[in-house]
Amino acid sequence: MRRAQAQKAWDWEIGSVEEAILMLLPLLFLLLSQAAVTATGQQQQQWSQEACAPFSCGLFHDISHSFRRTTDPPQCGDRMYELTCDSDKATISIGSTHYLITQLSYKSGTIRLVDPKFASGSCGLPSQSLSPSDLSSSGFDHYQNSWWASFMSCRRRIEAQSLYQLVPCLSNKNNTFVYVVVADKGNSLSYLYPSCHFVSMIPAAEVRRH
């Protein structure tokens, strides 16, 4: 049974590539799970009152459907949006990576995630590549007009090319230069130089250079 499309989607944006912040939108915001769809209104109300009441996770409060905790009963929330809660942090799994949630707003329909590799400000590549299909299979989608940050590893330095932005902290190791290209999905890989190969991709809305 295909799940119903939510009336209100989650909006998203991204901060700087250096901060490795992802803003994603669940396709199924306020989505009822299959069990909830087939349940009566009375059953749903009972679940909400007895087992699926709003909860706190990390520094966030009053979290409700479609999110759930790993310890919640099966009928609560959607397992695609299962949160792991610690005393001061909340994480959600996309693919093989547990992303730290830094913002969760039902009012704006926004969730902000940060790659754990960069939570402490360290330098490195994203933990994993997130293409549109990767996001969709994880219950997320990218914004209609979103751009993508594609990381390239090159054997030679790229000169006089404004589209290729050097990532200094990852370059000059074993004569390798790492660049990031920010473009829409259709053009994200069309700027690949012969001396370069694709490394990873993440959704992006803007890059703020310092």
N, C-alpha and C. Protein backbone atom coordinates (compact mmCIF):
# COMPACT_ATOMS: atom_id res chain seq x y z
N MET A 1 0.85 -1.20 0.00
CA MET A 1 0.00 0.00 0.00
C MET A 1 0.88 1.24 0.00
N ARG A 2 0.66 2.12 -0.93
CA ARG A 2 1.49 3.31 -1.02
C ARG A 2 1.00 4.35 -0.03
N ARG A 3 1.92 4.94 0.67
CA ARG A 3 1.55 5.91 1.68
C ARG A 3 1.06 7.19 1.04
N ALA A 4 0.13 7.85 1.75
CA ALA A 4 -0.45 9.08 1.21
C ALA A 4 0.56 10.21 1.28
N GLN A 5 0.51 11.12 0.32
CA GLN A 5 1.38 12.29 0.30
C GLN A 5 0.91 13.28 1.36
N ALA A 6 1.81 13.82 2.14
CA ALA A 6 1.43 14.78 3.17
C ALA A 6 1.01 16.09 2.54
N GLN A 7 0.12 16.79 3.22
CA GLN A 7 -0.33 18.07 2.71
C GLN A 7 0.75 19.13 2.86
N LYS A 8 1.52 19.03 3.92
CA LYS A 8 2.58 20.01 4.15
C LYS A 8 3.91 19.29 4.17
N ALA A 9 4.81 19.68 3.29
CA ALA A 9 6.12 19.05 3.23
C ALA A 9 7.08 19.79 4.14
N TRP A 10 8.24 19.18 4.34
CA TRP A 10 9.30 19.84 5.10
C TRP A 10 10.17 20.62 4.14
N ASP A 11 10.39 21.87 4.44
CA ASP A 11 11.28 22.69 3.64
C ASP A 11 12.71 22.41 4.09
N TRP A 12 13.68 22.85 3.32
CA TRP A 12 15.07 22.61 3.69
C TRP A 12 15.96 23.65 3.05
N GLU A 13 17.12 23.79 3.60
CA GLU A 13 18.17 24.61 3.02
C GLU A 13 19.48 24.13 3.62
N ILE A 14 20.56 24.70 3.20
CA ILE A 14 21.86 24.27 3.73
C ILE A 14 22.67 25.50 4.07
N GLY A 15 23.50 25.38 5.09
CA GLY A 15 24.40 26.47 5.41
C GLY A 15 25.63 26.37 4.53
N SER A 16 26.80 26.48 5.08
CA SER A 16 28.00 26.41 4.26
C SER A 16 28.46 24.97 4.12
N VAL A 17 29.13 24.69 3.03
CA VAL A 17 29.69 23.35 2.83
C VAL A 17 30.68 23.05 3.94
N GLU A 18 31.41 24.09 4.36
CA GLU A 18 32.39 23.89 5.42
C GLU A 18 31.73 23.38 6.70
N GLU A 19 30.49 23.80 6.94
CA GLU A 19 29.78 23.38 8.14
C GLU A 19 29.10 22.04 7.94
N ALA A 20 29.00 21.60 6.69
CA ALA A 20 28.39 20.32 6.34
C ALA A 20 27.01 20.17 6.95
N ILE A 21 26.19 21.19 6.80
CA ILE A 21 24.84 21.18 7.34
C ILE A 21 23.87 20.78 6.24
N LEU A 22 23.00 19.83 6.54
CA LEU A 22 21.99 19.40 5.59
C LEU A 22 20.62 19.80 6.12
N MET A 23 19.82 20.37 5.26
CA MET A 23 18.43 20.63 5.60
C MET A 23 17.59 19.80 4.65
N LEU A 24 16.85 18.85 5.19
CA LEU A 24 16.13 17.91 4.35
C LEU A 24 14.65 17.96 4.64
N LEU A 25 13.85 17.44 3.72
CA LEU A 25 12.42 17.42 3.93
C LEU A 25 11.88 16.01 3.84
N PRO A 26 11.32 15.49 4.91
CA PRO A 26 10.67 14.19 4.80
C PRO A 26 9.50 14.29 3.83
N LEU A 27 9.39 13.34 2.93
CA LEU A 27 8.26 13.30 2.02
C LEU A 27 6.96 13.07 2.79
N LEU A 28 7.08 12.48 3.97
CA LEU A 28 5.90 11.99 4.66
C LEU A 28 5.63 12.75 5.95
N PHE A 29 5.85 14.04 5.95
CA PHE A 29 5.61 14.85 7.14
C PHE A 29 4.15 14.72 7.56
N LEU A 30 3.93 14.47 8.85
CA LEU A 30 2.60 14.26 9.39
C LEU A 30 1.89 13.08 8.72
N LEU A 31 2.70 12.17 8.21
CA LEU A 31 2.15 11.00 7.53
C LEU A 31 1.67 9.98 8.55
N LEU A 32 0.55 9.37 8.27
CA LEU A 32 0.07 8.28 9.11
C LEU A 32 0.66 6.97 8.60
N SER A 33 1.16 6.16 9.50
CA SER A 33 1.65 4.85 9.10
C SER A 33 0.49 4.00 8.62
N GLN A 34 0.78 2.90 7.96
CA GLN A 34 -0.27 2.05 7.41
C GLN A 34 -1.21 1.59 8.51
N ALA A 35 -0.67 1.27 9.66
CA ALA A 35 -1.51 0.83 10.76
C ALA A 35 -2.44 1.95 11.20
N ALA A 36 -1.92 3.17 11.23
CA ALA A 36 -2.73 4.30 11.66
C ALA A 36 -3.79 4.64 10.62
N VAL A 37 -3.45 4.47 9.34
CA VAL A 37 -4.42 4.77 8.29
C VAL A 37 -5.63 3.85 8.40
N THR A 38 -5.40 2.58 8.72
CA THR A 38 -6.49 1.62 8.79
C THR A 38 -7.19 1.63 10.13
N ALA A 39 -6.64 2.34 11.08
CA ALA A 39 -7.24 2.38 12.40
C ALA A 39 -8.40 3.36 12.43
N THR A 40 -9.27 3.18 13.38
CA THR A 40 -10.38 4.11 13.55
C THR A 40 -9.88 5.35 14.25
N GLY A 41 -10.65 6.43 14.17
CA GLY A 41 -10.27 7.66 14.86
C GLY A 41 -10.16 7.46 16.35
N GLN A 42 -11.02 6.59 16.91
CA GLN A 42 -10.97 6.32 18.33
C GLN A 42 -9.68 5.63 18.72
N GLN A 43 -9.24 4.68 17.89
CA GLN A 43 -7.98 3.99 18.17
C GLN A 43 -6.81 4.95 18.11
N GLN A 44 -6.80 5.83 17.10
CA GLN A 44 -5.72 6.79 16.97
C GLN A 44 -5.67 7.70 18.19
N GLN A 45 -6.83 8.14 18.65
CA GLN A 45 -6.87 9.01 19.81
C GLN A 45 -6.35 8.28 21.04
N GLN A 46 -6.71 7.00 21.17
CA GLN A 46 -6.24 6.21 22.31
C GLN A 46 -4.73 6.05 22.26
N TRP A 47 -4.18 5.75 21.06
CA TRP A 47 -2.73 5.63 20.92
C TRP A 47 -2.05 6.93 21.32
N SER A 48 -2.61 8.04 20.86
CA SER A 48 -2.00 9.34 21.14
C SER A 48 -1.97 9.62 22.62
N GLN A 49 -3.05 9.27 23.31
CA GLN A 49 -3.15 9.58 24.73
C GLN A 49 -2.33 8.62 25.58
N GLU A 50 -2.31 7.34 25.18
CA GLU A 50 -1.71 6.34 26.04
C GLU A 50 -0.27 6.00 25.69
N ALA A 51 0.03 5.90 24.41
CA ALA A 51 1.34 5.38 24.02
C ALA A 51 2.14 6.33 23.15
N CYS A 52 1.48 7.21 22.41
CA CYS A 52 2.17 8.03 21.42
C CYS A 52 2.10 9.51 21.75
N ALA A 53 2.18 9.83 23.00
CA ALA A 53 2.16 11.23 23.40
C ALA A 53 3.42 11.93 22.92
N PRO A 54 3.38 13.26 22.72
CA PRO A 54 4.59 14.00 22.35
C PRO A 54 5.72 13.72 23.33
N PHE A 55 6.94 13.74 22.82
CA PHE A 55 8.08 13.37 23.65
C PHE A 55 9.23 14.36 23.46
N SER A 56 10.20 14.27 24.34
CA SER A 56 11.42 15.06 24.24
C SER A 56 12.54 14.16 23.75
N CYS A 57 13.46 14.76 23.00
CA CYS A 57 14.61 14.01 22.49
C CYS A 57 15.78 14.97 22.40
N GLY A 58 16.84 14.70 23.14
CA GLY A 58 17.94 15.65 23.19
C GLY A 58 17.46 16.97 23.76
N LEU A 59 17.67 18.05 23.02
CA LEU A 59 17.25 19.38 23.46
C LEU A 59 15.89 19.78 22.89
N PHE A 60 15.22 18.86 22.19
CA PHE A 60 13.95 19.18 21.54
C PHE A 60 12.78 18.62 22.33
N HIS A 61 11.67 19.36 22.33
CA HIS A 61 10.50 18.97 23.11
C HIS A 61 9.26 18.94 22.22
N ASP A 62 8.23 18.27 22.71
CA ASP A 62 6.93 18.18 22.01
C ASP A 62 7.08 17.62 20.60
N ILE A 63 7.89 16.60 20.45
CA ILE A 63 8.04 15.92 19.16
C ILE A 63 6.91 14.90 19.01
N SER A 64 6.31 14.85 17.83
CA SER A 64 5.20 13.94 17.62
C SER A 64 5.30 13.30 16.24
N HIS A 65 4.25 12.61 15.82
CA HIS A 65 4.19 11.95 14.52
C HIS A 65 4.64 12.90 13.41
N SER A 66 5.47 12.44 12.47
CA SER A 66 5.79 11.06 12.15
C SER A 66 7.05 10.54 12.85
N PHE A 67 7.66 11.37 13.68
CA PHE A 67 8.88 10.95 14.37
C PHE A 67 8.53 10.00 15.51
N ARG A 68 9.50 9.16 15.84
CA ARG A 68 9.33 8.22 16.94
C ARG A 68 10.71 7.95 17.55
N ARG A 69 10.69 7.39 18.75
CA ARG A 69 11.93 6.95 19.39
C ARG A 69 12.12 5.45 19.19
N THR A 70 13.33 5.00 19.37
CA THR A 70 13.61 3.57 19.21
C THR A 70 12.86 2.74 20.23
N THR A 71 12.49 3.34 21.36
CA THR A 71 11.81 2.61 22.43
C THR A 71 10.30 2.71 22.36
N ASP A 72 9.76 3.43 21.38
CA ASP A 72 8.30 3.61 21.28
C ASP A 72 7.62 2.34 20.79
N PRO A 73 6.34 2.16 21.14
CA PRO A 73 5.56 1.02 20.63
C PRO A 73 5.50 1.05 19.10
N PRO A 74 5.31 -0.10 18.46
CA PRO A 74 5.33 -0.18 16.99
C PRO A 74 4.35 0.74 16.29
N GLN A 75 3.21 1.02 16.92
CA GLN A 75 2.19 1.83 16.25
C GLN A 75 2.50 3.33 16.27
N CYS A 76 3.54 3.72 16.97
CA CYS A 76 3.85 5.14 17.10
C CYS A 76 4.82 5.60 16.01
N GLY A 77 4.44 6.63 15.30
CA GLY A 77 5.33 7.23 14.32
C GLY A 77 5.67 6.30 13.16
N ASP A 78 6.68 6.70 12.42
CA ASP A 78 7.14 5.95 11.24
C ASP A 78 8.61 5.59 11.47
N ARG A 79 8.96 4.34 11.25
CA ARG A 79 10.33 3.88 11.51
C ARG A 79 11.35 4.57 10.62
N MET A 80 10.91 5.13 9.49
CA MET A 80 11.84 5.89 8.65
C MET A 80 12.35 7.12 9.39
N TYR A 81 11.55 7.62 10.33
CA TYR A 81 11.91 8.84 11.05
C TYR A 81 12.14 8.54 12.52
N GLU A 82 12.82 7.44 12.77
CA GLU A 82 13.10 7.02 14.14
C GLU A 82 14.30 7.78 14.68
N LEU A 83 14.14 8.37 15.85
CA LEU A 83 15.18 9.18 16.47
C LEU A 83 15.89 8.40 17.57
N THR A 84 17.16 8.63 17.68
CA THR A 84 17.94 8.13 18.81
C THR A 84 18.20 9.30 19.73
N CYS A 85 17.82 9.16 20.99
CA CYS A 85 17.86 10.28 21.92
C CYS A 85 18.94 10.08 22.97
N ASP A 86 19.74 11.12 23.17
CA ASP A 86 20.74 11.15 24.23
C ASP A 86 20.37 12.31 25.14
N SER A 87 21.15 12.51 26.19
CA SER A 87 20.82 13.55 27.15
C SER A 87 20.78 14.94 26.52
N ASP A 88 21.69 15.21 25.58
CA ASP A 88 21.74 16.54 24.99
C ASP A 88 21.74 16.53 23.47
N LYS A 89 21.45 15.41 22.85
CA LYS A 89 21.44 15.38 21.39
C LYS A 89 20.42 14.39 20.86
N ALA A 90 19.97 14.66 19.64
CA ALA A 90 19.05 13.78 18.94
C ALA A 90 19.65 13.47 17.57
N THR A 91 19.57 12.23 17.15
CA THR A 91 20.11 11.85 15.85
C THR A 91 19.07 11.07 15.06
N ILE A 92 19.21 11.10 13.74
CA ILE A 92 18.35 10.32 12.85
C ILE A 92 19.24 9.66 11.81
N SER A 93 18.90 8.45 11.45
CA SER A 93 19.72 7.67 10.53
C SER A 93 19.24 7.85 9.09
N ILE A 94 20.18 8.19 8.21
CA ILE A 94 19.93 8.21 6.77
C ILE A 94 21.04 7.37 6.14
N GLY A 95 20.66 6.29 5.49
CA GLY A 95 21.67 5.39 4.97
C GLY A 95 22.48 4.79 6.11
N SER A 96 23.79 4.93 6.04
CA SER A 96 24.67 4.34 7.05
C SER A 96 25.15 5.35 8.08
N THR A 97 24.61 6.56 8.05
CA THR A 97 25.10 7.63 8.92
C THR A 97 24.01 8.13 9.85
N HIS A 98 24.38 8.34 11.10
CA HIS A 98 23.48 8.95 12.08
C HIS A 98 23.78 10.45 12.13
N TYR A 99 22.85 11.25 11.62
CA TYR A 99 23.04 12.69 11.55
C TYR A 99 22.52 13.37 12.82
N LEU A 100 23.28 14.34 13.29
CA LEU A 100 22.90 15.10 14.46
C LEU A 100 21.84 16.13 14.07
N ILE A 101 20.74 16.16 14.79
CA ILE A 101 19.68 17.13 14.53
C ILE A 101 19.98 18.41 15.29
N THR A 102 20.09 19.52 14.58
CA THR A 102 20.37 20.80 15.22
C THR A 102 19.17 21.73 15.20
N GLN A 103 18.16 21.40 14.40
CA GLN A 103 16.94 22.21 14.38
C GLN A 103 15.78 21.33 13.95
N LEU A 104 14.66 21.46 14.64
CA LEU A 104 13.45 20.70 14.30
C LEU A 104 12.26 21.60 14.59
N SER A 105 11.61 22.07 13.55
CA SER A 105 10.52 23.02 13.69
C SER A 105 9.28 22.54 12.95
N TYR A 106 8.21 22.28 13.69
CA TYR A 106 6.95 21.93 13.05
C TYR A 106 6.30 23.15 12.41
N LYS A 107 6.55 24.31 12.99
CA LYS A 107 5.94 25.54 12.46
C LYS A 107 6.43 25.83 11.05
N SER A 108 7.73 25.72 10.84
CA SER A 108 8.29 25.99 9.51
C SER A 108 8.48 24.72 8.69
N GLY A 109 8.23 23.55 9.31
CA GLY A 109 8.42 22.29 8.61
C GLY A 109 9.87 22.05 8.24
N THR A 110 10.79 22.37 9.16
CA THR A 110 12.22 22.32 8.85
C THR A 110 12.96 21.42 9.83
N ILE A 111 13.82 20.58 9.29
CA ILE A 111 14.73 19.80 10.11
C ILE A 111 16.14 20.07 9.60
N ARG A 112 17.04 20.37 10.49
CA ARG A 112 18.44 20.65 10.13
C ARG A 112 19.32 19.56 10.70
N LEU A 113 20.16 19.00 9.83
CA LEU A 113 21.03 17.91 10.22
C LEU A 113 22.48 18.27 9.95
N VAL A 114 23.37 17.76 10.79
CA VAL A 114 24.80 17.99 10.57
C VAL A 114 25.51 16.64 10.57
N ASP A 115 26.41 16.49 9.62
CA ASP A 115 27.21 15.27 9.51
C ASP A 115 28.04 15.12 10.78
N PRO A 116 28.02 13.94 11.42
CA PRO A 116 28.78 13.76 12.66
C PRO A 116 30.27 14.02 12.49
N LYS A 117 30.80 13.84 11.28
CA LYS A 117 32.21 14.12 11.04
C LYS A 117 32.56 15.57 11.30
N PHE A 118 31.58 16.45 11.12
CA PHE A 118 31.85 17.88 11.20
C PHE A 118 31.21 18.54 12.41
N ALA A 119 30.61 17.74 13.28
CA ALA A 119 29.95 18.29 14.45
C ALA A 119 30.93 19.04 15.35
N SER A 120 32.19 18.61 15.35
CA SER A 120 33.20 19.26 16.19
C SER A 120 34.04 20.25 15.41
N GLY A 121 33.66 20.50 14.15
CA GLY A 121 34.39 21.47 13.34
C GLY A 121 35.60 20.91 12.64
N SER A 122 35.75 19.58 12.63
CA SER A 122 36.91 18.99 11.96
C SER A 122 36.72 19.01 10.45
N CYS A 123 37.82 18.79 9.73
CA CYS A 123 37.80 18.84 8.27
C CYS A 123 37.76 17.44 7.70
N GLY A 124 36.96 17.25 6.69
CA GLY A 124 36.88 15.95 6.03
C GLY A 124 35.78 15.95 4.99
N LEU A 125 35.67 14.86 4.28
CA LEU A 125 34.60 14.68 3.32
C LEU A 125 33.33 14.24 4.04
N PRO A 126 32.17 14.41 3.41
CA PRO A 126 30.93 13.92 4.03
C PRO A 126 31.03 12.43 4.35
N SER A 127 30.33 12.01 5.38
CA SER A 127 30.37 10.60 5.78
C SER A 127 29.89 9.69 4.68
N GLN A 128 28.95 10.17 3.88
CA GLN A 128 28.45 9.38 2.77
C GLN A 128 27.90 10.32 1.71
N SER A 129 27.78 9.80 0.51
CA SER A 129 27.19 10.56 -0.58
C SER A 129 25.67 10.44 -0.51
N LEU A 130 24.98 11.56 -0.73
CA LEU A 130 23.52 11.57 -0.68
C LEU A 130 22.97 12.12 -1.98
N SER A 131 22.64 11.24 -2.90
CA SER A 131 22.03 11.64 -4.16
C SER A 131 20.52 11.75 -3.96
N PRO A 132 19.79 12.32 -4.91
CA PRO A 132 18.34 12.38 -4.79
C PRO A 132 17.71 11.01 -4.55
N SER A 133 18.19 9.99 -5.24
CA SER A 133 17.62 8.65 -5.05
C SER A 133 17.95 8.09 -3.67
N ASP A 134 19.14 8.42 -3.16
CA ASP A 134 19.50 7.99 -1.80
C ASP A 134 18.54 8.58 -0.78
N LEU A 135 18.22 9.86 -0.95
CA LEU A 135 17.32 10.53 -0.02
C LEU A 135 15.92 9.95 -0.11
N SER A 136 15.44 9.75 -1.34
CA SER A 136 14.09 9.23 -1.53
C SER A 136 13.92 7.85 -0.91
N SER A 137 14.92 7.00 -1.06
CA SER A 137 14.82 5.65 -0.51
C SER A 137 14.88 5.66 1.01
N SER A 138 15.33 6.77 1.59
CA SER A 138 15.39 6.89 3.05
C SER A 138 14.20 7.66 3.60
N GLY A 139 13.21 7.96 2.74
CA GLY A 139 12.03 8.67 3.20
C GLY A 139 12.17 10.17 3.18
N PHE A 140 13.19 10.68 2.48
CA PHE A 140 13.42 12.10 2.37
C PHE A 140 13.39 12.51 0.91
N ASP A 141 13.35 13.79 0.68
CA ASP A 141 13.42 14.30 -0.68
C ASP A 141 14.14 15.63 -0.65
N HIS A 142 14.62 16.07 -1.79
CA HIS A 142 15.30 17.35 -1.88
C HIS A 142 14.32 18.41 -2.34
N TYR A 143 14.61 19.65 -2.01
CA TYR A 143 13.76 20.76 -2.41
C TYR A 143 13.77 20.89 -3.92
N GLN A 144 12.66 21.32 -4.48
CA GLN A 144 12.48 21.36 -5.93
C GLN A 144 13.59 22.15 -6.63
N ASN A 145 13.98 23.27 -6.04
CA ASN A 145 14.97 24.13 -6.68
C ASN A 145 16.34 24.01 -6.01
N SER A 146 16.60 22.88 -5.39
CA SER A 146 17.84 22.73 -4.64
C SER A 146 19.04 22.57 -5.55
N TRP A 147 20.19 22.89 -5.00
CA TRP A 147 21.47 22.68 -5.66
C TRP A 147 22.19 21.56 -4.93
N TRP A 148 23.28 21.10 -5.54
CA TRP A 148 24.03 19.99 -4.97
C TRP A 148 25.51 20.32 -4.93
N ALA A 149 26.14 19.93 -3.83
CA ALA A 149 27.58 20.11 -3.68
C ALA A 149 28.25 18.79 -4.01
N SER A 150 29.01 18.77 -5.10
CA SER A 150 29.71 17.56 -5.53
C SER A 150 31.20 17.72 -5.26
N PHE A 151 31.77 16.76 -4.56
CA PHE A 151 33.19 16.79 -4.21
C PHE A 151 33.98 15.98 -5.23
N MET A 152 35.07 16.57 -5.70
CA MET A 152 35.93 15.95 -6.70
C MET A 152 37.36 15.84 -6.17
N SER A 153 38.01 14.75 -6.48
CA SER A 153 39.42 14.58 -6.17
C SER A 153 40.20 14.65 -7.48
N CYS A 154 41.19 15.55 -7.53
CA CYS A 154 41.91 15.80 -8.78
C CYS A 154 43.41 15.56 -8.61
N ARG A 155 44.03 15.06 -9.64
CA ARG A 155 45.48 14.82 -9.61
C ARG A 155 46.26 16.10 -9.85
N ARG A 156 45.61 17.08 -10.44
CA ARG A 156 46.25 18.36 -10.73
C ARG A 156 45.42 19.50 -10.18
N ARG A 157 46.09 20.60 -9.91
CA ARG A 157 45.37 21.80 -9.48
C ARG A 157 44.60 22.38 -10.66
N ILE A 158 43.37 22.78 -10.41
CA ILE A 158 42.53 23.40 -11.44
C ILE A 158 42.69 24.91 -11.35
N GLU A 159 43.20 25.51 -12.40
CA GLU A 159 43.47 26.94 -12.41
C GLU A 159 42.37 27.69 -13.18
N ALA A 160 42.09 28.90 -12.72
CA ALA A 160 41.17 29.81 -13.42
C ALA A 160 39.83 29.15 -13.72
N GLN A 161 39.28 28.49 -12.74
CA GLN A 161 37.97 27.86 -12.91
C GLN A 161 37.14 28.18 -11.66
N SER A 162 36.21 29.12 -11.82
CA SER A 162 35.45 29.60 -10.67
C SER A 162 34.47 28.57 -10.13
N LEU A 163 34.07 27.61 -10.96
CA LEU A 163 33.11 26.60 -10.50
C LEU A 163 33.75 25.63 -9.51
N TYR A 164 35.03 25.37 -9.67
CA TYR A 164 35.74 24.46 -8.79
C TYR A 164 36.30 25.25 -7.61
N GLN A 165 35.79 24.97 -6.41
CA GLN A 165 36.26 25.63 -5.21
C GLN A 165 37.16 24.67 -4.43
N LEU A 166 38.42 25.07 -4.25
CA LEU A 166 39.38 24.21 -3.56
C LEU A 166 38.99 24.06 -2.09
N VAL A 167 39.13 22.84 -1.58
CA VAL A 167 38.96 22.57 -0.15
C VAL A 167 40.36 22.42 0.43
N PRO A 168 40.94 23.50 0.95
CA PRO A 168 42.36 23.49 1.33
C PRO A 168 42.73 22.41 2.34
N CYS A 169 41.87 22.17 3.32
CA CYS A 169 42.23 21.22 4.38
C CYS A 169 42.29 19.78 3.89
N LEU A 170 41.77 19.51 2.70
CA LEU A 170 41.81 18.15 2.15
C LEU A 170 42.77 18.02 0.98
N SER A 171 43.42 19.11 0.63
CA SER A 171 44.26 19.12 -0.57
C SER A 171 45.74 19.04 -0.22
N ASN A 172 46.55 18.79 -1.26
CA ASN A 172 48.00 18.68 -1.15
C ASN A 172 48.46 17.47 -0.34
N LYS A 173 47.57 16.52 -0.17
CA LYS A 173 47.94 15.26 0.47
C LYS A 173 48.16 14.23 -0.64
N ASN A 174 49.38 13.74 -0.73
CA ASN A 174 49.73 12.80 -1.81
C ASN A 174 49.46 13.40 -3.18
N ASN A 175 49.74 14.71 -3.29
CA ASN A 175 49.55 15.43 -4.56
C ASN A 175 48.11 15.32 -5.07
N THR A 176 47.17 15.35 -4.14
CA THR A 176 45.75 15.30 -4.48
C THR A 176 45.09 16.61 -4.09
N PHE A 177 44.22 17.10 -4.96
CA PHE A 177 43.50 18.34 -4.71
C PHE A 177 42.00 18.04 -4.70
N VAL A 178 41.35 18.43 -3.61
CA VAL A 178 39.91 18.19 -3.47
C VAL A 178 39.16 19.48 -3.73
N TYR A 179 38.18 19.41 -4.60
CA TYR A 179 37.36 20.57 -4.96
C TYR A 179 35.89 20.25 -4.72
N VAL A 180 35.11 21.32 -4.55
CA VAL A 180 33.67 21.17 -4.47
C VAL A 180 33.03 22.03 -5.55
N VAL A 181 32.06 21.47 -6.25
CA VAL A 181 31.31 22.18 -7.28
C VAL A 181 29.86 22.25 -6.82
N VAL A 182 29.32 23.45 -6.72
CA VAL A 182 27.92 23.63 -6.32
C VAL A 182 27.11 23.99 -7.55
N ALA A 183 26.15 23.15 -7.90
CA ALA A 183 25.34 23.36 -9.10
C ALA A 183 24.02 22.63 -8.93
N ASP A 184 23.09 22.85 -9.87
CA ASP A 184 21.85 22.09 -9.80
C ASP A 184 22.14 20.64 -10.17
N LYS A 185 21.17 19.79 -9.89
CA LYS A 185 21.40 18.35 -10.04
C LYS A 185 21.84 17.97 -11.46
N GLY A 186 21.21 18.59 -12.45
CA GLY A 186 21.51 18.23 -13.82
C GLY A 186 22.91 18.60 -14.26
N ASN A 187 23.50 19.62 -13.61
CA ASN A 187 24.82 20.10 -14.02
C ASN A 187 25.92 19.76 -13.02
N SER A 188 25.58 19.08 -11.95
CA SER A 188 26.55 18.89 -10.87
C SER A 188 27.78 18.11 -11.30
N LEU A 189 27.64 17.23 -12.30
CA LEU A 189 28.78 16.43 -12.74
C LEU A 189 29.24 16.77 -14.15
N SER A 190 28.66 17.79 -14.74
CA SER A 190 29.02 18.13 -16.12
C SER A 190 30.33 18.92 -16.19
N TYR A 191 30.86 19.33 -15.02
CA TYR A 191 32.09 20.11 -15.01
C TYR A 191 33.30 19.27 -14.62
N LEU A 192 33.21 17.95 -14.76
CA LEU A 192 34.27 17.06 -14.31
C LEU A 192 35.45 17.11 -15.27
N TYR A 193 36.61 17.51 -14.74
CA TYR A 193 37.83 17.56 -15.54
C TYR A 193 38.40 16.16 -15.73
N PRO A 194 39.16 15.94 -16.81
CA PRO A 194 39.76 14.61 -17.05
C PRO A 194 40.65 14.13 -15.92
N SER A 195 41.30 15.06 -15.22
CA SER A 195 42.21 14.67 -14.15
C SER A 195 41.50 14.47 -12.81
N CYS A 196 40.17 14.57 -12.81
CA CYS A 196 39.40 14.49 -11.57
C CYS A 196 38.44 13.31 -11.60
N HIS A 197 38.07 12.86 -10.41
CA HIS A 197 37.02 11.85 -10.32
C HIS A 197 36.06 12.22 -9.19
N PHE A 198 34.84 11.82 -9.36
CA PHE A 198 33.78 12.13 -8.40
C PHE A 198 34.02 11.38 -7.09
N VAL A 199 33.77 12.08 -5.96
CA VAL A 199 33.93 11.47 -4.64
C VAL A 199 32.59 11.31 -3.94
N SER A 200 31.87 12.42 -3.77
CA SER A 200 30.59 12.35 -3.08
C SER A 200 29.75 13.57 -3.39
N MET A 201 28.47 13.48 -3.03
CA MET A 201 27.52 14.56 -3.31
C MET A 201 26.59 14.73 -2.12
N ILE A 202 26.25 15.98 -1.79
CA ILE A 202 25.25 16.25 -0.76
C ILE A 202 24.35 17.39 -1.24
N PRO A 203 23.12 17.48 -0.77
CA PRO A 203 22.24 18.58 -1.17
C PRO A 203 22.72 19.89 -0.59
N ALA A 204 22.55 20.97 -1.35
CA ALA A 204 23.03 22.28 -0.91
C ALA A 204 22.16 23.36 -1.50
N ALA A 205 22.01 24.45 -0.76
CA ALA A 205 21.27 25.61 -1.27
C ALA A 205 22.20 26.77 -1.51
N GLU A 206 23.23 26.90 -0.69
CA GLU A 206 24.17 27.99 -0.87
C GLU A 206 25.49 27.65 -0.21
N VAL A 207 26.53 28.33 -0.62
CA VAL A 207 27.84 28.20 0.00
C VAL A 207 28.29 29.59 0.42
N ARG A 208 28.56 29.76 1.69
CA ARG A 208 29.05 31.05 2.19
C ARG A 208 30.57 30.95 2.32
N ARG A 209 31.27 31.72 1.54
CA ARG A 209 32.73 31.69 1.59
C ARG A 209 33.23 32.64 2.67
N HIS A 210 34.26 32.22 3.36
CA HIS A 210 34.80 33.04 4.46
C HIS A 210 36.10 33.71 4.03
